[in-house]
Amino acid sequence: QRAAVAWYTEADDDPRVQIAWFVGETFAAP
């Protein structure tokens, strides 16, 4: 039924793990 992506970033000196859901043909907000 669904798909999602998880990733890591250190943008803005703020290390974080984020996920975003694949909705339709694009991604929802992380």
PDB file of all heavy atoms in Angstrom:
ATOM      1  N   GLN A   1       0.778  -1.234   0.000  1.00  0.00           N
ATOM      2  CA  GLN A   1       0.000   0.000   0.000  1.00  0.00           C
ATOM      3  C   GLN A   1       0.813   1.290   0.000  1.00  0.00           C
ATOM      4  O   GLN A   1       0.327   2.325  -0.402  1.00  0.00           O
ATOM      5  CB  GLN A   1      -0.920   0.053   1.236  1.00  0.00           C
ATOM      6  CG  GLN A   1      -2.142  -0.829   1.152  1.00  0.00           C
ATOM      7  CD  GLN A   1      -1.890  -2.217   1.700  1.00  0.00           C
ATOM      8  OE1 GLN A   1      -1.064  -2.373   2.587  1.00  0.00           O
ATOM      9  NE2 GLN A   1      -2.571  -3.201   1.171  1.00  0.00           N
ATOM     10  N   ARG A   2       2.049   1.245   0.497  1.00  0.00           N
ATOM     11  CA  ARG A   2       2.764   2.508   0.739  1.00  0.00           C
ATOM     12  C   ARG A   2       4.264   2.339   0.575  1.00  0.00           C
ATOM     13  O   ARG A   2       4.769   1.225   0.493  1.00  0.00           O
ATOM     14  CB  ARG A   2       2.431   3.016   2.143  1.00  0.00           C
ATOM     15  CG  ARG A   2       2.806   2.029   3.231  1.00  0.00           C
ATOM     16  CD  ARG A   2       2.189   2.351   4.569  1.00  0.00           C
ATOM     17  NE  ARG A   2       0.774   2.151   4.600  1.00  0.00           N
ATOM     18  CZ  ARG A   2       0.194   0.952   4.763  1.00  0.00           C
ATOM     19  NH1 ARG A   2       0.927  -0.128   4.902  1.00  0.00           N
ATOM     20  NH2 ARG A   2      -1.102   0.835   4.794  1.00  0.00           N
ATOM     21  N   ALA A   3       4.944   3.490   0.552  1.00  0.00           N
ATOM     22  CA  ALA A   3       6.403   3.507   0.467  1.00  0.00           C
ATOM     23  C   ALA A   3       6.922   4.712   1.238  1.00  0.00           C
ATOM     24  O   ALA A   3       6.209   5.693   1.446  1.00  0.00           O
ATOM     25  CB  ALA A   3       6.869   3.565  -0.986  1.00  0.00           C
ATOM     26  N   ALA A   4       8.171   4.620   1.673  1.00  0.00           N
ATOM     27  CA  ALA A   4       8.769   5.713   2.433  1.00  0.00           C
ATOM     28  C   ALA A   4      10.282   5.646   2.294  1.00  0.00           C
ATOM     29  O   ALA A   4      10.852   4.607   1.942  1.00  0.00           O
ATOM     30  CB  ALA A   4       8.374   5.635   3.908  1.00  0.00           C
ATOM     31  N   VAL A   5      10.923   6.762   2.596  1.00  0.00           N
ATOM     32  CA  VAL A   5      12.381   6.851   2.592  1.00  0.00           C
ATOM     33  C   VAL A   5      12.831   7.396   3.949  1.00  0.00           C
ATOM     34  O   VAL A   5      12.212   8.311   4.500  1.00  0.00           O
ATOM     35  CB  VAL A   5      12.889   7.777   1.461  1.00  0.00           C
ATOM     36  CG1 VAL A   5      14.405   7.977   1.556  1.00  0.00           C
ATOM     37  CG2 VAL A   5      12.528   7.198   0.098  1.00  0.00           C
ATOM     38  N   ALA A   6      13.892   6.812   4.480  1.00  0.00           N
ATOM     39  CA  ALA A   6      14.533   7.310   5.702  1.00  0.00           C
ATOM     40  C   ALA A   6      15.937   7.770   5.337  1.00  0.00           C
ATOM     41  O   ALA A   6      16.593   7.160   4.496  1.00  0.00           O
ATOM     42  CB  ALA A   6      14.594   6.208   6.758  1.00  0.00           C
ATOM     43  N   TRP A   7      16.394   8.857   5.975  1.00  0.00           N
ATOM     44  CA  TRP A   7      17.738   9.338   5.685  1.00  0.00           C
ATOM     45  C   TRP A   7      18.275  10.168   6.847  1.00  0.00           C
ATOM     46  O   TRP A   7      17.551  10.562   7.753  1.00  0.00           O
ATOM     47  CB  TRP A   7      17.764  10.145   4.392  1.00  0.00           C
ATOM     48  CG  TRP A   7      17.178  11.525   4.458  1.00  0.00           C
ATOM     49  CD1 TRP A   7      17.848  12.705   4.606  1.00  0.00           C
ATOM     50  CD2 TRP A   7      15.785  11.886   4.345  1.00  0.00           C
ATOM     51  NE1 TRP A   7      16.973  13.767   4.604  1.00  0.00           N
ATOM     52  CE2 TRP A   7      15.706  13.287   4.446  1.00  0.00           C
ATOM     53  CE3 TRP A   7      14.614  11.139   4.179  1.00  0.00           C
ATOM     54  CZ2 TRP A   7      14.488  13.961   4.383  1.00  0.00           C
ATOM     55  CZ3 TRP A   7      13.403  11.815   4.125  1.00  0.00           C
ATOM     56  CH2 TRP A   7      13.353  13.210   4.219  1.00  0.00           C
ATOM     57  N   TYR A   8      19.570  10.429   6.770  1.00  0.00           N
ATOM     58  CA  TYR A   8      20.285  11.198   7.793  1.00  0.00           C
ATOM     59  C   TYR A   8      20.806  12.477   7.169  1.00  0.00           C
ATOM     60  O   TYR A   8      21.228  12.493   6.007  1.00  0.00           O
ATOM     61  CB  TYR A   8      21.451  10.364   8.314  1.00  0.00           C
ATOM     62  CG  TYR A   8      22.371  11.071   9.287  1.00  0.00           C
ATOM     63  CD1 TYR A   8      21.974  11.295  10.597  1.00  0.00           C
ATOM     64  CD2 TYR A   8      23.637  11.485   8.896  1.00  0.00           C
ATOM     65  CE1 TYR A   8      22.829  11.923  11.503  1.00  0.00           C
ATOM     66  CE2 TYR A   8      24.494  12.113   9.788  1.00  0.00           C
ATOM     67  CZ  TYR A   8      24.086  12.331  11.084  1.00  0.00           C
ATOM     68  OH  TYR A   8      24.926  12.947  11.971  1.00  0.00           O
ATOM     69  N   THR A   9      20.792  13.562   7.951  1.00  0.00           N
ATOM     70  CA  THR A   9      21.368  14.822   7.500  1.00  0.00           C
ATOM     71  C   THR A   9      21.971  15.563   8.687  1.00  0.00           C
ATOM     72  O   THR A   9      21.555  15.351   9.829  1.00  0.00           O
ATOM     73  CB  THR A   9      20.307  15.716   6.810  1.00  0.00           C
ATOM     74  OG1 THR A   9      20.930  16.933   6.352  1.00  0.00           O
ATOM     75  CG2 THR A   9      19.179  16.076   7.754  1.00  0.00           C
ATOM     76  N   GLU A  10      22.946  16.400   8.387  1.00  0.00           N
ATOM     77  CA  GLU A  10      23.504  17.305   9.400  1.00  0.00           C
ATOM     78  C   GLU A  10      23.363  18.751   8.954  1.00  0.00           C
ATOM     79  O   GLU A  10      24.124  19.627   9.374  1.00  0.00           O
ATOM     80  CB  GLU A  10      24.974  16.977   9.670  1.00  0.00           C
ATOM     81  CG  GLU A  10      25.188  15.680  10.416  1.00  0.00           C
ATOM     82  CD  GLU A  10      26.640  15.422  10.777  1.00  0.00           C
ATOM     83  OE1 GLU A  10      27.434  16.401  10.839  1.00  0.00           O
ATOM     84  OE2 GLU A  10      26.989  14.251  10.990  1.00  0.00           O
ATOM     85  N   ALA A  11      22.387  19.026   8.114  1.00  0.00           N
ATOM     86  CA  ALA A  11      22.157  20.397   7.657  1.00  0.00           C
ATOM     87  C   ALA A  11      21.893  21.315   8.846  1.00  0.00           C
ATOM     88  O   ALA A  11      21.278  20.912   9.837  1.00  0.00           O
ATOM     89  CB  ALA A  11      20.969  20.428   6.699  1.00  0.00           C
ATOM     90  N   ASP A  12      22.392  22.541   8.761  1.00  0.00           N
ATOM     91  CA  ASP A  12      22.228  23.552   9.816  1.00  0.00           C
ATOM     92  C   ASP A  12      22.852  23.106  11.135  1.00  0.00           C
ATOM     93  O   ASP A  12      22.400  23.513  12.219  1.00  0.00           O
ATOM     94  CB  ASP A  12      20.748  23.892  10.030  1.00  0.00           C
ATOM     95  CG  ASP A  12      20.072  24.370   8.750  1.00  0.00           C
ATOM     96  OD1 ASP A  12      20.703  25.160   8.020  1.00  0.00           O
ATOM     97  OD2 ASP A  12      18.940  23.942   8.474  1.00  0.00           O
ATOM     98  N   ASP A  13      23.897  22.249  11.045  1.00  0.00           N
ATOM     99  CA  ASP A  13      24.583  21.730  12.247  1.00  0.00           C
ATOM    100  C   ASP A  13      23.605  21.064  13.205  1.00  0.00           C
ATOM    101  O   ASP A  13      23.768  21.136  14.433  1.00  0.00           O
ATOM    102  CB  ASP A  13      25.354  22.852  12.957  1.00  0.00           C
ATOM    103  CG  ASP A  13      26.505  23.372  12.120  1.00  0.00           C
ATOM    104  OD1 ASP A  13      27.172  22.549  11.466  1.00  0.00           O
ATOM    105  OD2 ASP A  13      26.727  24.595  12.099  1.00  0.00           O
ATOM    106  N   ASP A  14      22.603  20.419  12.657  1.00  0.00           N
ATOM    107  CA  ASP A  14      21.575  19.748  13.453  1.00  0.00           C
ATOM    108  C   ASP A  14      21.441  18.306  12.959  1.00  0.00           C
ATOM    109  O   ASP A  14      20.600  18.014  12.099  1.00  0.00           O
ATOM    110  CB  ASP A  14      20.245  20.488  13.316  1.00  0.00           C
ATOM    111  CG  ASP A  14      19.139  19.847  14.142  1.00  0.00           C
ATOM    112  OD1 ASP A  14      19.444  19.082  15.076  1.00  0.00           O
ATOM    113  OD2 ASP A  14      17.953  20.120  13.837  1.00  0.00           O
ATOM    114  N   PRO A  15      22.244  17.364  13.484  1.00  0.00           N
ATOM    115  CA  PRO A  15      22.157  15.966  13.042  1.00  0.00           C
ATOM    116  C   PRO A  15      20.763  15.406  13.317  1.00  0.00           C
ATOM    117  O   PRO A  15      20.228  15.566  14.418  1.00  0.00           O
ATOM    118  CB  PRO A  15      23.213  15.246  13.889  1.00  0.00           C
ATOM    119  CG  PRO A  15      24.144  16.327  14.340  1.00  0.00           C
ATOM    120  CD  PRO A  15      23.301  17.546  14.503  1.00  0.00           C
ATOM    121  N   ARG A  16      20.175  14.745  12.316  1.00  0.00           N
ATOM    122  CA  ARG A  16      18.839  14.192  12.501  1.00  0.00           C
ATOM    123  C   ARG A  16      18.557  13.074  11.497  1.00  0.00           C
ATOM    124  O   ARG A  16      19.118  13.049  10.400  1.00  0.00           O
ATOM    125  CB  ARG A  16      17.777  15.276  12.391  1.00  0.00           C
ATOM    126  CG  ARG A  16      17.785  16.062  11.091  1.00  0.00           C
ATOM    127  CD  ARG A  16      17.004  17.360  11.230  1.00  0.00           C
ATOM    128  NE  ARG A  16      16.924  18.128  10.003  1.00  0.00           N
ATOM    129  CZ  ARG A  16      17.840  18.999   9.593  1.00  0.00           C
ATOM    130  NH1 ARG A  16      18.942  19.197  10.301  1.00  0.00           N
ATOM    131  NH2 ARG A  16      17.676  19.676   8.466  1.00  0.00           N
ATOM    132  N   VAL A  17      17.692  12.159  11.927  1.00  0.00           N
ATOM    133  CA  VAL A  17      17.170  11.104  11.059  1.00  0.00           C
ATOM    134  C   VAL A  17      15.740  11.471  10.721  1.00  0.00           C
ATOM    135  O   VAL A  17      14.938  11.777  11.605  1.00  0.00           O
ATOM    136  CB  VAL A  17      17.229   9.728  11.762  1.00  0.00           C
ATOM    137  CG1 VAL A  17      16.510   8.670  10.922  1.00  0.00           C
ATOM    138  CG2 VAL A  17      18.676   9.320  12.014  1.00  0.00           C
ATOM    139  N   GLN A  18      15.431  11.438   9.427  1.00  0.00           N
ATOM    140  CA  GLN A  18      14.115  11.852   8.957  1.00  0.00           C
ATOM    141  C   GLN A  18      13.497  10.757   8.102  1.00  0.00           C
ATOM    142  O   GLN A  18      14.214   9.956   7.499  1.00  0.00           O
ATOM    143  CB  GLN A  18      14.219  13.139   8.137  1.00  0.00           C
ATOM    144  CG  GLN A  18      14.858  14.287   8.893  1.00  0.00           C
ATOM    145  CD  GLN A  18      14.890  15.566   8.093  1.00  0.00           C
ATOM    146  OE1 GLN A  18      14.440  16.591   8.559  1.00  0.00           O
ATOM    147  NE2 GLN A  18      15.439  15.541   6.894  1.00  0.00           N
ATOM    148  N   ILE A  19      12.174  10.766   8.043  1.00  0.00           N
ATOM    149  CA  ILE A  19      11.461   9.893   7.112  1.00  0.00           C
ATOM    150  C   ILE A  19      10.463  10.738   6.340  1.00  0.00           C
ATOM    151  O   ILE A  19      10.016  11.794   6.811  1.00  0.00           O
ATOM    152  CB  ILE A  19      10.741   8.724   7.830  1.00  0.00           C
ATOM    153  CG1 ILE A  19       9.630   9.222   8.763  1.00  0.00           C
ATOM    154  CG2 ILE A  19      11.735   7.864   8.592  1.00  0.00           C
ATOM    155  CD1 ILE A  19       8.253   9.023   8.220  1.00  0.00           C
ATOM    156  N   ALA A  20      10.144  10.289   5.134  1.00  0.00           N
ATOM    157  CA  ALA A  20       9.102  10.942   4.337  1.00  0.00           C
ATOM    158  C   ALA A  20       8.325   9.862   3.598  1.00  0.00           C
ATOM    159  O   ALA A  20       8.909   8.911   3.065  1.00  0.00           O
ATOM    160  CB  ALA A  20       9.706  11.940   3.347  1.00  0.00           C
ATOM    161  N   TRP A  21       7.001  10.021   3.566  1.00  0.00           N
ATOM    162  CA  TRP A  21       6.121   9.066   2.900  1.00  0.00           C
ATOM    163  C   TRP A  21       5.967   9.444   1.435  1.00  0.00           C
ATOM    164  O   TRP A  21       5.837  10.614   1.095  1.00  0.00           O
ATOM    165  CB  TRP A  21       4.749   9.049   3.569  1.00  0.00           C
ATOM    166  CG  TRP A  21       4.795   8.569   4.980  1.00  0.00           C
ATOM    167  CD1 TRP A  21       4.926   9.326   6.106  1.00  0.00           C
ATOM    168  CD2 TRP A  21       4.749   7.208   5.423  1.00  0.00           C
ATOM    169  NE1 TRP A  21       4.960   8.523   7.211  1.00  0.00           N
ATOM    170  CE2 TRP A  21       4.847   7.221   6.836  1.00  0.00           C
ATOM    171  CE3 TRP A  21       4.619   5.982   4.762  1.00  0.00           C
ATOM    172  CZ2 TRP A  21       4.822   6.050   7.592  1.00  0.00           C
ATOM    173  CZ3 TRP A  21       4.593   4.815   5.519  1.00  0.00           C
ATOM    174  CH2 TRP A  21       4.691   4.852   6.908  1.00  0.00           C
ATOM    175  N   PHE A  22       5.988   8.423   0.576  1.00  0.00           N
ATOM    176  CA  PHE A  22       5.767   8.603  -0.856  1.00  0.00           C
ATOM    177  C   PHE A  22       4.259   8.626  -1.083  1.00  0.00           C
ATOM    178  O   PHE A  22       3.578   7.619  -0.863  1.00  0.00           O
ATOM    179  CB  PHE A  22       6.424   7.469  -1.635  1.00  0.00           C
ATOM    180  CG  PHE A  22       6.416   7.647  -3.129  1.00  0.00           C
ATOM    181  CD1 PHE A  22       7.020   8.744  -3.709  1.00  0.00           C
ATOM    182  CD2 PHE A  22       5.822   6.697  -3.940  1.00  0.00           C
ATOM    183  CE1 PHE A  22       7.036   8.900  -5.097  1.00  0.00           C
ATOM    184  CE2 PHE A  22       5.839   6.841  -5.326  1.00  0.00           C
ATOM    185  CZ  PHE A  22       6.436   7.938  -5.900  1.00  0.00           C
ATOM    186  N   VAL A  23       3.736   9.782  -1.471  1.00  0.00           N
ATOM    187  CA  VAL A  23       2.293   9.978  -1.606  1.00  0.00           C
ATOM    188  C   VAL A  23       1.989  10.396  -3.039  1.00  0.00           C
ATOM    189  O   VAL A  23       2.440  11.457  -3.494  1.00  0.00           O
ATOM    190  CB  VAL A  23       1.789  11.062  -0.619  1.00  0.00           C
ATOM    191  CG1 VAL A  23       0.291  11.256  -0.768  1.00  0.00           C
ATOM    192  CG2 VAL A  23       2.148  10.686   0.809  1.00  0.00           C
ATOM    193  N   GLY A  24       1.221   9.580  -3.742  1.00  0.00           N
ATOM    194  CA  GLY A  24       0.962   9.867  -5.144  1.00  0.00           C
ATOM    195  C   GLY A  24       2.256   9.723  -5.929  1.00  0.00           C
ATOM    196  O   GLY A  24       2.827   8.655  -5.988  1.00  0.00           O
ATOM    197  N   GLU A  25       2.712  10.817  -6.485  1.00  0.00           N
ATOM    198  CA  GLU A  25       3.966  10.794  -7.238  1.00  0.00           C
ATOM    199  C   GLU A  25       4.992  11.742  -6.636  1.00  0.00           C
ATOM    200  O   GLU A  25       5.892  12.219  -7.340  1.00  0.00           O
ATOM    201  CB  GLU A  25       3.716  11.155  -8.701  1.00  0.00           C
ATOM    202  CG  GLU A  25       2.901  10.121  -9.452  1.00  0.00           C
ATOM    203  CD  GLU A  25       3.606   8.764  -9.533  1.00  0.00           C
ATOM    204  OE1 GLU A  25       4.792   8.730  -9.904  1.00  0.00           O
ATOM    205  OE2 GLU A  25       2.965   7.738  -9.241  1.00  0.00           O
ATOM    206  N   THR A  26       4.866  12.014  -5.336  1.00  0.00           N
ATOM    207  CA  THR A  26       5.819  12.897  -4.667  1.00  0.00           C
ATOM    208  C   THR A  26       5.935  12.484  -3.205  1.00  0.00           C
ATOM    209  O   THR A  26       5.386  11.466  -2.793  1.00  0.00           O
ATOM    210  CB  THR A  26       5.384  14.368  -4.812  1.00  0.00           C
ATOM    211  OG1 THR A  26       6.430  15.213  -4.341  1.00  0.00           O
ATOM    212  CG2 THR A  26       4.107  14.649  -4.039  1.00  0.00           C
ATOM    213  N   PHE A  27       6.657  13.269  -2.424  1.00  0.00           N
ATOM    214  CA  PHE A  27       6.858  12.952  -1.016  1.00  0.00           C
ATOM    215  C   PHE A  27       6.183  13.981  -0.114  1.00  0.00           C
ATOM    216  O   PHE A  27       6.191  15.181  -0.396  1.00  0.00           O
ATOM    217  CB  PHE A  27       8.354  12.898  -0.688  1.00  0.00           C
ATOM    218  CG  PHE A  27       9.001  11.603  -1.104  1.00  0.00           C
ATOM    219  CD1 PHE A  27       9.533  11.457  -2.365  1.00  0.00           C
ATOM    220  CD2 PHE A  27       9.043  10.521  -0.233  1.00  0.00           C
ATOM    221  CE1 PHE A  27      10.114  10.266  -2.763  1.00  0.00           C
ATOM    222  CE2 PHE A  27       9.620   9.326  -0.611  1.00  0.00           C
ATOM    223  CZ  PHE A  27      10.151   9.193  -1.882  1.00  0.00           C
ATOM    224  N   ALA A  28       5.628  13.480   0.989  1.00  0.00           N
ATOM    225  CA  ALA A  28       5.076  14.363   2.013  1.00  0.00           C
ATOM    226  C   ALA A  28       6.225  15.032   2.764  1.00  0.00           C
ATOM    227  O   ALA A  28       7.398  14.664   2.612  1.00  0.00           O
ATOM    228  CB  ALA A  28       4.209  13.554   2.978  1.00  0.00           C
ATOM    229  N   ALA A  29       5.907  16.001   3.593  1.00  0.00           N
ATOM    230  CA  ALA A  29       6.928  16.696   4.389  1.00  0.00           C
ATOM    231  C   ALA A  29       7.635  15.701   5.301  1.00  0.00           C
ATOM    232  O   ALA A  29       7.027  14.753   5.807  1.00  0.00           O
ATOM    233  CB  ALA A  29       6.270  17.800   5.214  1.00  0.00           C
ATOM    234  N   PRO A  30       8.930  15.898   5.536  1.00  0.00           N
ATOM    235  CA  PRO A  30       9.683  14.958   6.373  1.00  0.00           C
ATOM    236  C   PRO A  30       9.294  15.032   7.842  1.00  0.00           C
ATOM    237  O   PRO A  30       8.803  16.055   8.312  1.00  0.00           O
ATOM    238  CB  PRO A  30      11.140  15.382   6.159  1.00  0.00           C
ATOM    239  CG  PRO A  30      11.067  16.813   5.775  1.00  0.00           C
ATOM    240  CD  PRO A  30       9.789  16.967   5.005  1.00  0.00           C
TER     241      PRO A  30
END
